[in-house]
């Protein structure tokens, strides 16, 4: 019997159920159920201003009326080009309330990227902040269809004392004055909808609930169609895996962006269907991170590895007691065993009994689909599958399952797997494949293996590989070794073109705080590597950086470094 059929990971579930009864509900319906159960609980807090679940439900209805008043109907697509703000949450769930579909994009997207997202989705409207109005307005003549610009203002959601000070703030001074026309203010839209009668909620679990974007297995941007069931299943699985029977009344640090599956699916939706409070953070900085930890004491922190690396950098957390933390979840990028050890040591030194728990997933299944068990971790493992989720490792390019501890492509199936890629049946068929067992499996395009107990080990994207003199070199493996050096905070390894070898290895390193990046440190790290890395895979040199470039969601942007190296080499 194959590992995927026998599910040996069940032995490590502890109190987590093997299966969950998923309701045939929309996202809005589950949030409404939480609001009915916990009306006086805080749904979210933004810049010190708290909104209860009862008030949140009223805000959703008001937003739904406003959207109906401008002609948005079931099946229509509306782009949210927003940070983590109350208007973003109100609009997201209001669209779900009326059966329309949010198209989620980064507010810092370049103008031409916004053209692509609006055209490919056929959006009838776009909601963004006033500071981004000029960028959005500038691309109007490049759109295939009319698109209404909705403008939200941060200051509308601030508590009174901050609202009075806002015009003097640095952020306010960066915002260009809005023209007299060409847009509709979010606040005005809400007024327009006051006399609209909301119809009964019309939607089902398998309707598309949101469009997120990913490069998929081929690296080209594709819209991912995710259903209500996908998001609801993720939320219920995550709560079940948290180690707590209920998360009601607990606090989630919602710092991961709403346009990303991790931020939307876990940082927002999981909290809201569980009766927890979202601490909305519109813009991350190490200082605000430290302030929130000290003052608001969140129970749960979901984030990418760079978020936890920031803990080590913060001068403001040196004497902070972190015993209030109940769950620290890392995903979105590979967490090296070395960084995990450093973060765990930091947490222990600050009185936190928890260790960082690593998970894994792709946007094609919203986000996380496996997680390290609360009481049992294996070094280098990304955990075991969520309830009702099954993993198998196949020989790349096939559907043939390989033996335990054998590397291959990671495949998974379960209730969070996407409906498909938007208007791209070929890519959908390549990614969602029916195997001989009769099930449809998501081919992730990631390399890894499963041990005999069902623990999963991620290696990296199949295509992120350096080939030097015919040898295959995997950057993440080298990064793990370099990161384990006591004077290294973070590293990134890329392949640089070489006329003789095809590619040679180049390493970029961020030293630990207070460590001087000099020739002596380079020699020390290279000597350390020489004892741990095969000669053909050794970096020839190390380039020191104060920080590494990051993607919109905080992953190390290794492609930026590859582009820099290519340009430096003359093309």
Protein backbone atom coordinates (compact mmCIF):
# COMPACT_ATOMS: atom_id res chain seq x y z
CA UNK A 1 0.00 0.00 0.00
CA UNK A 2 1.32 3.46 -0.89
CA UNK A 3 2.09 6.05 1.79
CA UNK A 4 -0.62 8.36 0.45
CA UNK A 5 -3.21 5.58 0.81
CA UNK A 6 -2.14 4.44 4.30
CA UNK A 7 -1.82 7.98 5.78
CA UNK A 8 0.83 7.15 8.43
CA UNK A 9 0.83 10.79 9.54
CA UNK A 10 -2.42 10.21 11.45
CA UNK A 11 -0.29 8.73 14.25
CA UNK A 12 1.09 12.23 14.95
CA UNK A 13 -2.22 14.14 14.95
CA UNK A 14 -2.66 14.08 18.74
CA UNK A 15 -6.04 15.70 19.42
CA UNK A 16 -6.46 16.93 15.84
CA UNK A 17 -9.36 15.20 14.03
CA UNK A 18 -8.61 13.11 10.95
CA UNK A 19 -11.64 14.53 9.17
CA UNK A 20 -13.86 17.59 9.51
CA UNK A 21 -17.51 18.13 8.60
CA UNK A 22 -17.37 21.10 6.20
CA UNK A 23 -20.61 23.08 5.90
CA UNK A 24 -22.07 23.86 2.48
CA UNK A 25 -21.71 27.57 3.17
CA UNK A 26 -20.21 30.68 1.67
CA UNK A 27 -17.44 32.66 3.34
CA UNK A 28 -19.95 35.34 4.35
CA UNK A 29 -22.26 32.78 5.94
CA UNK A 30 -19.51 31.42 8.20
CA UNK A 31 -18.48 34.93 9.24
CA UNK A 32 -22.15 35.75 9.91
CA UNK A 33 -22.43 32.60 12.05
CA UNK A 34 -19.42 33.75 14.10
CA UNK A 35 -20.93 37.23 14.42
CA UNK A 36 -24.22 35.73 15.62
CA UNK A 37 -22.40 33.64 18.23
CA UNK A 38 -19.96 36.33 19.36
CA UNK A 39 -21.63 39.69 18.58
CA UNK A 40 -19.73 41.65 21.23
CA UNK A 41 -16.31 40.15 20.43
CA UNK A 42 -13.87 42.32 18.50
CA UNK A 43 -13.69 41.32 14.84
CA UNK A 44 -10.78 43.59 14.05
CA UNK A 45 -8.75 46.46 15.43
CA UNK A 46 -7.14 49.05 13.17
CA UNK A 47 -4.75 51.70 14.45
CA UNK A 48 -6.36 51.45 17.89
CA UNK A 49 -9.99 51.51 16.68
CA UNK A 50 -11.97 48.34 17.41
CA UNK A 51 -14.94 47.00 15.42
CA UNK A 52 -17.13 44.30 17.00
CA UNK A 53 -18.58 41.37 15.08
CA UNK A 54 -22.08 42.88 15.29
CA UNK A 55 -20.79 46.17 13.87
CA UNK A 56 -18.74 44.32 11.23
CA UNK A 57 -21.85 42.53 9.98
CA UNK A 58 -23.63 45.89 9.61
CA UNK A 59 -20.62 47.32 7.75
CA UNK A 60 -20.65 44.34 5.35
CA UNK A 61 -24.35 44.90 4.63
CA UNK A 62 -23.80 48.64 4.09
CA UNK A 63 -20.96 47.90 1.66
CA UNK A 64 -23.09 45.30 -0.14
CA UNK A 65 -25.86 47.89 -0.61
CA UNK A 66 -23.34 50.40 -1.95
CA UNK A 67 -21.98 47.89 -4.45
CA UNK A 68 -25.49 46.98 -5.60
CA UNK A 69 -26.28 50.68 -6.04
CA UNK A 70 -23.47 50.99 -8.59
CA UNK A 71 -24.62 47.94 -10.53
CA UNK A 72 -22.37 45.17 -9.19
CA UNK A 73 -24.19 41.84 -9.38
CA UNK A 74 -23.59 38.13 -8.83
CA UNK A 75 -20.62 36.87 -10.84
CA UNK A 76 -19.16 40.34 -11.48
CA UNK A 77 -15.52 40.86 -10.64
CA UNK A 78 -14.20 43.75 -8.58
CA UNK A 79 -10.49 44.32 -8.03
CA UNK A 80 -9.27 45.04 -4.49
CA UNK A 81 -5.96 46.88 -4.72
CA UNK A 82 -5.76 47.37 -0.96
CA UNK A 83 -3.63 47.08 2.13
CA UNK A 84 -4.98 45.44 5.31
CA UNK A 85 -7.62 48.07 6.16
CA UNK A 86 -11.23 47.90 7.40
CA UNK A 87 -12.58 48.97 3.98
CA UNK A 88 -10.74 46.05 2.36
CA UNK A 89 -12.40 43.55 4.71
CA UNK A 90 -15.80 45.19 4.41
CA UNK A 91 -15.64 45.16 0.61
CA UNK A 92 -14.28 41.61 0.39
CA UNK A 93 -17.10 40.09 2.44
CA UNK A 94 -19.72 42.41 0.91
CA UNK A 95 -18.81 41.10 -2.54
CA UNK A 96 -19.18 37.58 -1.21
CA UNK A 97 -22.51 38.56 0.35
CA UNK A 98 -23.93 39.45 -3.10
CA UNK A 99 -22.16 36.68 -5.01
CA UNK A 100 -19.60 38.92 -6.76
CA UNK A 101 -15.93 37.97 -6.96
CA UNK A 102 -13.01 39.91 -5.43
CA UNK A 103 -9.90 40.05 -7.63
CA UNK A 104 -7.03 40.48 -5.16
CA UNK A 105 -3.87 42.40 -6.16
CA UNK A 106 -0.96 44.19 -4.49
CA UNK A 107 -1.55 47.93 -3.95
CA UNK A 108 2.06 48.58 -4.95
CA UNK A 109 1.58 46.86 -8.32
CA UNK A 110 3.09 48.81 -11.20
CA UNK A 111 0.66 50.59 -13.53
CA UNK A 112 1.12 48.04 -16.33
CA UNK A 113 0.57 45.19 -13.90
CA UNK A 114 -2.74 46.77 -12.89
CA UNK A 115 -3.71 46.99 -16.58
CA UNK A 116 -3.07 43.26 -16.87
CA UNK A 117 -5.04 42.36 -13.73
CA UNK A 118 -8.04 44.49 -14.65
CA UNK A 119 -8.16 43.29 -18.24
CA UNK A 120 -7.60 39.61 -17.55
CA UNK A 121 -10.28 39.58 -14.85
CA UNK A 122 -12.73 41.85 -16.66
CA UNK A 123 -13.22 43.85 -13.46
CA UNK A 124 -16.11 46.30 -13.37
CA UNK A 125 -14.60 48.32 -10.54
CA UNK A 126 -11.40 48.71 -8.56
CA UNK A 127 -11.12 49.72 -4.90
CA UNK A 128 -7.85 51.34 -3.89
CA UNK A 129 -6.48 53.95 -1.48
CA UNK A 130 -6.37 57.64 -2.33
CA UNK A 131 -2.57 57.57 -2.49
CA UNK A 132 -2.77 55.21 -5.48
CA UNK A 133 -5.47 57.06 -7.41
CA UNK A 134 -3.08 58.72 -9.89
CA UNK A 135 -1.51 55.42 -10.86
CA UNK A 136 -4.86 53.73 -11.45
CA UNK A 137 -6.36 56.73 -13.28
CA UNK A 138 -3.36 56.90 -15.63
CA UNK A 139 -4.13 53.51 -17.20
CA UNK A 140 -7.83 54.02 -17.90
CA UNK A 141 -7.37 54.29 -21.68
CA UNK A 142 -5.60 50.90 -21.72
CA UNK A 143 -8.55 49.01 -20.25
CA UNK A 144 -10.70 46.78 -22.42
CA UNK A 145 -13.86 47.52 -20.43
CA UNK A 146 -15.18 50.45 -18.36
CA UNK A 147 -13.98 50.24 -14.77
CA UNK A 148 -15.19 52.44 -11.91
CA UNK A 149 -12.49 53.67 -9.54
CA UNK A 150 -13.52 53.48 -5.87
CA UNK A 151 -11.31 55.40 -3.46
CA UNK A 152 -10.94 54.63 0.25
CA UNK A 153 -9.13 56.87 2.71
CA UNK A 154 -7.12 55.60 5.67
CA UNK A 155 -8.12 58.58 7.82
CA UNK A 156 -11.80 57.62 7.59
CA UNK A 157 -11.05 54.58 9.78
CA UNK A 158 -8.79 56.21 12.36
CA UNK A 159 -9.82 56.89 15.97
CA UNK A 160 -10.62 60.55 16.57
CA UNK A 161 -7.30 61.58 18.10
CA UNK A 162 -5.33 60.08 15.19
CA UNK A 163 -7.79 61.45 12.63
CA UNK A 164 -7.11 64.96 13.88
CA UNK A 165 -3.36 64.44 13.63
CA UNK A 166 -3.43 62.60 10.31
CA UNK A 167 -3.10 65.70 8.04
CA UNK A 168 0.26 66.38 9.70
CA UNK A 169 1.58 62.83 9.30
CA UNK A 170 4.23 61.73 6.79
CA UNK A 171 1.75 59.40 5.06
CA UNK A 172 -0.78 62.19 4.53
CA UNK A 173 1.84 64.50 3.06
CA UNK A 174 2.69 61.86 0.44
CA UNK A 175 -0.89 61.76 -0.87
CA UNK A 176 -1.60 63.98 -3.87
CA UNK A 177 -4.90 65.91 -3.64
CA UNK A 178 -7.70 64.11 -5.48
CA UNK A 179 -9.17 65.79 -8.58
CA UNK A 180 -12.78 66.93 -8.56
CA UNK A 181 -14.05 63.92 -10.52
CA UNK A 182 -13.08 60.58 -12.06
CA UNK A 183 -13.75 58.35 -9.06
CA UNK A 184 -16.27 57.52 -6.33
CA UNK A 185 -15.28 57.80 -2.68
CA UNK A 186 -15.95 54.64 -0.66
CA UNK A 187 -17.70 56.78 1.96
CA UNK A 188 -20.00 58.22 -0.74
CA UNK A 189 -20.75 54.75 -2.11
CA UNK A 190 -21.97 53.72 1.34
CA UNK A 191 -24.34 56.71 1.37
CA UNK A 192 -25.63 55.84 -2.11
CA UNK A 193 -26.63 52.39 -0.91
CA UNK A 194 -28.61 53.42 2.15
CA UNK A 195 -32.02 52.97 0.52
CA UNK A 196 -31.15 49.74 -1.32
CA UNK A 197 -32.93 46.58 -0.14
CA UNK A 198 -30.53 43.68 0.21
CA UNK A 199 -31.78 40.47 -1.38
CA UNK A 200 -31.48 37.16 0.44
CA UNK A 201 -27.97 35.81 0.34
CA UNK A 202 -27.49 33.80 -2.84
CA UNK A 203 -24.45 31.58 -3.12
CA UNK A 204 -23.10 28.11 -2.52
CA UNK A 205 -19.92 26.52 -1.28
CA UNK A 206 -18.54 25.70 -4.71
CA UNK A 207 -18.96 29.16 -6.23
CA UNK A 208 -15.76 31.07 -7.00
CA UNK A 209 -15.13 33.34 -3.98
CA UNK A 210 -11.87 35.07 -4.93
CA UNK A 211 -9.18 35.33 -7.56
CA UNK A 212 -5.56 35.29 -6.41
CA UNK A 213 -2.46 35.29 -8.60
CA UNK A 214 0.55 33.02 -8.86
CA UNK A 215 3.27 32.06 -11.27
CA UNK A 216 2.20 28.43 -10.96
CA UNK A 217 4.60 25.76 -12.20
CA UNK A 218 5.58 27.64 -15.36
CA UNK A 219 6.38 31.03 -13.84
CA UNK A 220 3.82 32.99 -15.90
CA UNK A 221 1.19 34.98 -13.97
CA UNK A 222 -2.15 33.21 -13.76
CA UNK A 223 -5.40 33.95 -11.97
CA UNK A 224 -6.34 31.22 -9.51
CA UNK A 225 -10.05 30.61 -8.97
CA UNK A 226 -10.73 29.69 -5.34
CA UNK A 227 -14.11 28.68 -3.96
CA UNK A 228 -15.98 29.37 -0.74
CA UNK A 229 -15.36 25.76 0.23
CA UNK A 230 -11.62 26.20 -0.34
CA UNK A 231 -11.39 29.12 2.09
CA UNK A 232 -13.80 27.70 4.66
CA UNK A 233 -12.06 24.33 4.69
CA UNK A 234 -8.70 26.04 5.17
CA UNK A 235 -10.02 28.03 8.12
CA UNK A 236 -11.55 25.01 9.84
CA UNK A 237 -8.44 22.91 9.20
CA UNK A 238 -6.17 25.62 10.60
CA UNK A 239 -8.27 26.02 13.75
CA UNK A 240 -8.26 22.23 14.21
CA UNK A 241 -4.46 22.17 13.80
CA UNK A 242 -3.88 25.12 16.14
CA UNK A 243 -3.89 22.90 19.20
CA UNK A 244 -6.84 24.76 20.76
CA UNK A 245 -10.49 23.61 20.73
CA UNK A 246 -11.57 27.20 19.99
CA UNK A 247 -9.86 30.43 18.96
CA UNK A 248 -12.81 32.64 19.94
CA UNK A 249 -11.63 35.78 21.72
CA UNK A 250 -8.00 35.20 20.75
CA UNK A 251 -5.95 37.69 18.71
CA UNK A 252 -4.41 37.10 15.29
CA UNK A 253 -1.60 39.37 14.09
CA UNK A 254 -2.89 39.98 10.56
CA UNK A 255 0.31 41.38 9.11
CA UNK A 256 0.47 39.20 6.00
CA UNK A 257 -1.23 41.07 3.12
CA UNK A 258 -4.84 40.45 2.18
CA UNK A 259 -3.96 39.95 -1.51
CA UNK A 260 -1.95 36.83 -0.60
CA UNK A 261 -3.46 33.43 0.21
CA UNK A 262 -1.59 33.21 3.52
CA UNK A 263 -2.72 36.65 4.68
CA UNK A 264 -6.29 36.34 3.41
CA UNK A 265 -6.90 32.67 4.19
CA UNK A 266 -5.25 32.38 7.60
CA UNK A 267 -4.52 35.92 8.83
CA UNK A 268 -8.07 37.10 8.07
CA UNK A 269 -10.65 34.42 7.24
CA UNK A 270 -9.52 31.77 9.75
CA UNK A 271 -9.66 34.35 12.53
CA UNK A 272 -13.07 35.71 11.50
CA UNK A 273 -14.85 32.36 11.23
CA UNK A 274 -13.41 31.38 14.61
CA UNK A 275 -14.56 34.45 16.53
CA UNK A 276 -11.01 35.76 16.94
CA UNK A 277 -9.78 39.34 16.54
CA UNK A 278 -7.67 40.46 13.58
CA UNK A 279 -5.00 43.01 14.42
CA UNK A 280 -4.86 44.73 11.03
CA UNK A 281 -1.42 45.97 10.00
CA UNK A 282 -1.51 47.97 6.74
CA UNK A 283 2.25 48.38 6.42
CA UNK A 284 4.93 46.27 8.08
CA UNK A 285 7.99 47.69 9.78
CA UNK A 286 10.20 46.24 12.49
CA UNK A 287 9.24 49.12 14.80
CA UNK A 288 5.46 48.69 14.42
CA UNK A 289 5.95 44.91 14.73
CA UNK A 290 7.66 45.37 18.09
CA UNK A 291 5.06 47.90 19.26
CA UNK A 292 2.16 45.57 18.42
CA UNK A 293 3.79 42.61 20.14
CA UNK A 294 4.40 44.62 23.29
CA UNK A 295 1.09 46.49 23.47
CA UNK A 296 -1.51 44.19 21.87
CA UNK A 297 -0.01 40.81 22.74
CA UNK A 298 -1.38 38.68 19.87
CA UNK A 299 -1.98 35.00 20.51
CA UNK A 300 -1.09 33.89 16.97
CA UNK A 301 1.48 35.11 14.47
CA UNK A 302 1.34 33.67 10.94
CA UNK A 303 4.13 34.91 8.67
CA UNK A 304 6.89 34.23 6.17
CA UNK A 305 10.43 33.49 7.43
CA UNK A 306 11.52 37.11 6.93
CA UNK A 307 8.87 38.17 9.45
CA UNK A 308 10.49 35.97 12.07
CA UNK A 309 13.97 36.99 11.01
CA UNK A 310 12.80 40.53 11.92
CA UNK A 311 12.38 39.38 15.52
CA UNK A 312 16.13 38.81 15.66
CA UNK A 313 16.81 42.28 14.24
CA UNK A 314 14.54 44.25 16.57
CA UNK A 315 16.28 46.32 19.21
CA UNK A 316 12.88 47.09 20.78
CA UNK A 317 12.19 43.50 21.83
CA UNK A 318 15.32 42.83 23.85
CA UNK A 319 13.57 42.68 27.23
CA UNK A 320 10.04 41.89 26.07
CA UNK A 321 8.17 39.00 27.67
CA UNK A 322 6.62 36.92 24.84
CA UNK A 323 4.95 34.32 27.06
CA UNK A 324 1.54 35.39 25.66
CA UNK A 325 2.23 33.79 22.26
CA UNK A 326 0.22 30.59 21.68
CA UNK A 327 1.11 29.85 18.05
CA UNK A 328 3.84 30.98 15.66
CA UNK A 329 3.31 29.70 12.11
CA UNK A 330 5.80 30.02 9.26
CA UNK A 331 4.86 29.53 5.61
CA UNK A 332 5.03 31.12 2.18
CA UNK A 333 8.73 30.33 1.82
CA UNK A 334 11.18 27.72 3.04
CA UNK A 335 12.22 28.12 6.68
CA UNK A 336 15.78 26.86 7.03
CA UNK A 337 16.48 24.62 10.06
CA UNK A 338 19.11 27.15 11.07
CA UNK A 339 16.72 30.11 11.12
CA UNK A 340 14.18 27.99 13.00
CA UNK A 341 16.79 27.25 15.67
CA UNK A 342 17.67 30.93 15.98
CA UNK A 343 14.02 32.00 16.26
CA UNK A 344 13.19 29.20 18.72
CA UNK A 345 16.15 30.24 20.86
CA UNK A 346 14.96 33.86 20.72
CA UNK A 347 11.44 32.84 21.77
CA UNK A 348 12.74 30.71 24.65
CA UNK A 349 14.97 33.57 25.83
CA UNK A 350 11.85 35.76 25.94
CA UNK A 351 9.77 33.32 28.03
CA UNK A 352 7.73 31.88 25.15
CA UNK A 353 6.94 28.19 25.60
CA UNK A 354 6.05 27.77 21.91
CA UNK A 355 8.34 26.95 19.01
CA UNK A 356 7.87 28.14 15.46
CA UNK A 357 5.72 25.68 13.50
CA UNK A 358 6.46 25.37 9.81
CA UNK A 359 3.81 24.72 7.19
CA UNK A 360 3.67 24.44 3.43
CA UNK A 361 1.22 25.09 0.65
CA UNK A 362 0.67 26.88 -2.63
CA UNK A 363 -1.83 29.53 -3.75
CA UNK A 364 -3.44 26.76 -5.83
CA UNK A 365 -4.72 25.39 -2.49
CA UNK A 366 -5.18 28.88 -0.96
CA UNK A 367 -2.11 28.52 1.26
CA UNK A 368 -1.11 25.98 3.95
CA UNK A 369 -2.01 22.35 3.41
CA UNK A 370 0.30 20.79 5.98
CA UNK A 371 1.78 21.88 9.30
CA UNK A 372 4.29 20.73 11.89
CA UNK A 373 2.31 19.03 14.72
CA UNK A 374 2.15 21.10 17.90
CA UNK A 375 4.03 18.60 20.02
CA UNK A 376 6.27 16.90 17.46
CA UNK A 377 8.73 18.43 14.99
CA UNK A 378 11.33 16.80 12.78
CA UNK A 379 14.29 18.87 11.66
CA UNK A 380 13.89 20.05 8.09
CA UNK A 381 10.28 18.84 7.82
CA UNK A 382 7.36 21.07 6.84
CA UNK A 383 5.00 18.88 8.85
CA UNK A 384 2.15 16.50 8.11
CA UNK A 385 -0.98 16.97 5.98
CA UNK A 386 -4.02 18.79 7.32
CA UNK A 387 -7.22 16.79 8.01
CA UNK A 388 -8.82 15.49 4.79
CA UNK A 389 -5.66 16.39 2.86
CA UNK A 390 -3.44 13.74 1.33
CA UNK A 391 0.09 14.03 -0.02
CA UNK A 392 2.08 11.85 -2.36
CA UNK A 393 5.47 12.19 -4.01
CA UNK A 394 5.69 11.26 -7.69
CA UNK A 395 8.46 10.87 -10.19
CA UNK A 396 8.68 14.31 -11.89
CA UNK A 397 6.73 14.46 -15.12
CA UNK A 398 4.63 11.42 -14.23
CA UNK A 399 1.84 10.30 -11.88
CA UNK A 400 3.99 7.42 -10.59
CA UNK A 401 4.32 7.46 -6.79
CA UNK A 402 7.83 6.91 -5.44
CA UNK A 403 8.95 5.15 -2.25
CA UNK A 404 9.43 6.81 1.12
CA UNK A 405 12.51 9.06 1.42
CA UNK A 406 12.76 9.36 -2.38
CA UNK A 407 12.77 12.83 -3.89
CA UNK A 408 10.14 13.74 -6.44
CA UNK A 409 7.36 16.21 -7.14
CA UNK A 410 5.01 17.03 -4.27
CA UNK A 411 1.35 16.34 -5.11
CA UNK A 412 -1.68 16.83 -2.88
CA UNK A 413 -5.44 16.58 -2.85
CA UNK A 414 -8.11 17.83 -0.49
CA UNK A 415 -10.93 20.35 0.01
CA UNK A 416 -8.73 23.44 -0.45
CA UNK A 417 -7.54 22.63 -3.99
CA UNK A 418 -8.50 25.36 -6.47
CA UNK A 419 -11.29 25.27 -9.02
CA UNK A 420 -8.67 25.95 -11.69
CA UNK A 421 -6.76 28.69 -13.47
CA UNK A 422 -8.84 31.53 -14.87
CA UNK A 423 -9.47 31.07 -18.62
CA UNK A 424 -6.55 28.66 -18.88
CA UNK A 425 -7.75 25.07 -19.34
CA UNK A 426 -4.35 23.87 -20.61
CA UNK A 427 -2.49 24.98 -17.48
CA UNK A 428 -5.33 23.70 -15.31
CA UNK A 429 -5.12 20.25 -16.91
CA UNK A 430 -1.35 20.23 -16.43
CA UNK A 431 -1.63 21.12 -12.74
CA UNK A 432 -4.78 19.18 -11.74
CA UNK A 433 -4.24 15.61 -12.91
CA UNK A 434 -6.37 12.52 -12.41
CA UNK A 435 -4.25 9.62 -11.18
CA UNK A 436 -4.84 5.88 -11.41
CA UNK A 437 -6.39 5.89 -7.91
CA UNK A 438 -9.31 7.88 -9.36
CA UNK A 439 -8.50 11.07 -7.45
CA UNK A 440 -7.50 14.45 -8.89
CA UNK A 441 -4.14 15.60 -7.54
CA UNK A 442 -2.58 19.04 -7.53
CA UNK A 443 0.93 18.91 -9.01
CA UNK A 444 2.77 21.63 -7.11
CA UNK A 445 5.92 21.87 -9.22
CA UNK A 446 7.89 21.59 -5.97
CA UNK A 447 10.58 19.07 -5.16
CA UNK A 448 10.51 17.13 -1.89
CA UNK A 449 10.08 13.77 -0.23
CA UNK A 450 7.98 12.03 2.42
CA UNK A 451 9.48 9.86 5.14
CA UNK A 452 7.99 6.56 6.25
CA UNK A 453 5.87 8.30 8.91
CA UNK A 454 4.28 10.76 6.47
CA UNK A 455 6.34 13.83 7.36
CA UNK A 456 6.91 16.03 4.31
CA UNK A 457 10.25 17.61 3.41
CA UNK A 458 10.35 20.49 0.94
CA UNK A 459 13.47 20.88 -1.17
CA UNK A 460 12.52 23.67 -3.57
CA UNK A 461 10.82 24.57 -6.82
CA UNK A 462 11.70 22.00 -9.43
CA UNK A 463 12.95 24.68 -11.76
CA UNK A 464 15.08 26.55 -9.19
CA UNK A 465 18.23 24.61 -9.85
CA UNK A 466 21.80 25.47 -10.75
CA UNK A 467 23.54 23.23 -13.28
CA UNK A 468 27.32 23.52 -13.08
CA UNK A 469 29.55 21.27 -15.15
CA UNK A 470 26.67 18.84 -15.47
CA UNK A 471 26.01 18.71 -11.72
CA UNK A 472 22.60 19.65 -10.31
CA UNK A 473 22.92 22.08 -7.40
CA UNK A 474 19.95 23.10 -5.26
CA UNK A 475 20.30 26.64 -3.87
CA UNK A 476 18.09 26.07 -0.81
CA UNK A 477 20.40 23.32 0.40
CA UNK A 478 23.41 25.62 0.19
CA UNK A 479 21.44 28.41 1.88
CA UNK A 480 20.66 26.09 4.80
CA UNK A 481 24.37 25.45 5.27
CA UNK A 482 25.40 29.11 5.01
CA UNK A 483 22.55 30.16 7.34
CA UNK A 484 23.83 27.75 9.98
CA UNK A 485 27.01 29.85 10.35
CA UNK A 486 26.75 31.71 13.66
CA UNK A 487 27.57 35.08 12.06
CA UNK A 488 25.00 34.77 9.24
CA UNK A 489 21.47 36.13 9.52
CA UNK A 490 20.24 35.22 6.02
CA UNK A 491 21.58 34.14 2.66
CA UNK A 492 20.48 33.66 -0.94
CA UNK A 493 22.27 31.53 -3.51
CA UNK A 494 21.91 31.97 -7.27
CA UNK A 495 23.51 30.63 -10.41
CA UNK A 496 25.61 33.06 -12.46
CA UNK A 497 26.40 32.44 -16.13
CA UNK A 498 29.84 30.92 -16.71
CA UNK A 499 31.34 30.29 -20.17
CA UNK A 500 33.08 27.14 -19.00
CA UNK A 501 30.80 25.54 -16.42
CA UNK A 502 27.47 26.86 -17.68
CA UNK A 503 26.77 28.33 -14.26
CA UNK A 504 28.76 29.07 -11.14
CA UNK A 505 27.44 29.56 -7.62
CA UNK A 506 27.20 33.01 -6.09
CA UNK A 507 26.09 33.63 -2.50
CA UNK A 508 24.60 36.82 -1.08
CA UNK A 509 24.83 37.11 2.70
CA UNK A 510 23.31 39.38 5.35
CA UNK A 511 25.51 39.16 8.49
CA UNK A 512 24.05 39.04 11.98
CA UNK A 513 23.62 42.45 13.66
CA UNK A 514 26.90 43.98 14.88
CA UNK A 515 28.99 41.69 12.64
CA UNK A 516 31.32 43.55 10.26
CA UNK A 517 31.10 42.36 6.62
CA UNK A 518 34.77 42.23 5.68
CA UNK A 519 37.27 40.00 3.92
CA UNK A 520 37.95 38.05 7.11
CA UNK A 521 34.25 37.18 7.44
CA UNK A 522 34.10 36.07 3.79
CA UNK A 523 37.07 33.75 4.31
CA UNK A 524 35.52 32.41 7.50
CA UNK A 525 32.19 31.60 5.80
CA UNK A 526 33.85 30.06 2.73
CA UNK A 527 36.05 27.91 4.98
CA UNK A 528 32.94 26.84 6.88
CA UNK A 529 31.22 25.95 3.59
CA UNK A 530 34.23 24.04 2.26
CA UNK A 531 33.80 21.55 5.05
CA UNK A 532 30.13 21.02 4.29
CA UNK A 533 29.62 21.55 0.56
CA UNK A 534 30.93 19.49 -2.35
CA UNK A 535 33.66 21.29 -4.29
CA UNK A 536 31.57 21.57 -7.45
CA UNK A 537 28.78 23.29 -5.51
CA UNK A 538 30.97 25.72 -3.56
CA UNK A 539 30.27 29.45 -3.95
CA UNK A 540 33.32 31.13 -5.46
CA UNK A 541 32.67 34.37 -3.62
CA UNK A 542 30.31 35.99 -1.17
CA UNK A 543 28.68 39.35 -1.65
CA UNK A 544 27.53 41.03 1.56
CA UNK A 545 24.26 42.94 1.74
CA UNK A 546 22.52 44.83 4.53
CA UNK A 547 19.31 43.17 3.37
CA UNK A 548 18.08 40.93 0.57
CA UNK A 549 15.40 42.01 -1.93
CA UNK A 550 11.93 40.74 -1.07
CA UNK A 551 8.82 39.94 -3.07
CA UNK A 552 5.47 41.59 -2.32
CA UNK A 553 4.72 38.97 0.32
CA UNK A 554 8.16 38.97 1.95
CA UNK A 555 9.90 36.08 0.24
CA UNK A 556 13.53 36.50 -0.79
CA UNK A 557 13.37 37.70 -4.41
CA UNK A 558 16.17 35.56 -5.82
CA UNK A 559 15.13 36.50 -9.35
CA UNK A 560 16.04 40.13 -8.62
CA UNK A 561 19.55 39.03 -7.69
CA UNK A 562 19.73 36.86 -10.83
CA UNK A 563 18.74 39.87 -12.96
CA UNK A 564 21.35 42.07 -11.24
CA UNK A 565 24.06 39.49 -11.83
CA UNK A 566 23.07 39.13 -15.48
CA UNK A 567 23.15 42.90 -16.01
CA UNK A 568 26.51 43.18 -14.28
CA UNK A 569 27.88 40.49 -16.59
CA UNK A 570 26.77 42.51 -19.60
CA UNK A 571 23.49 40.99 -20.63
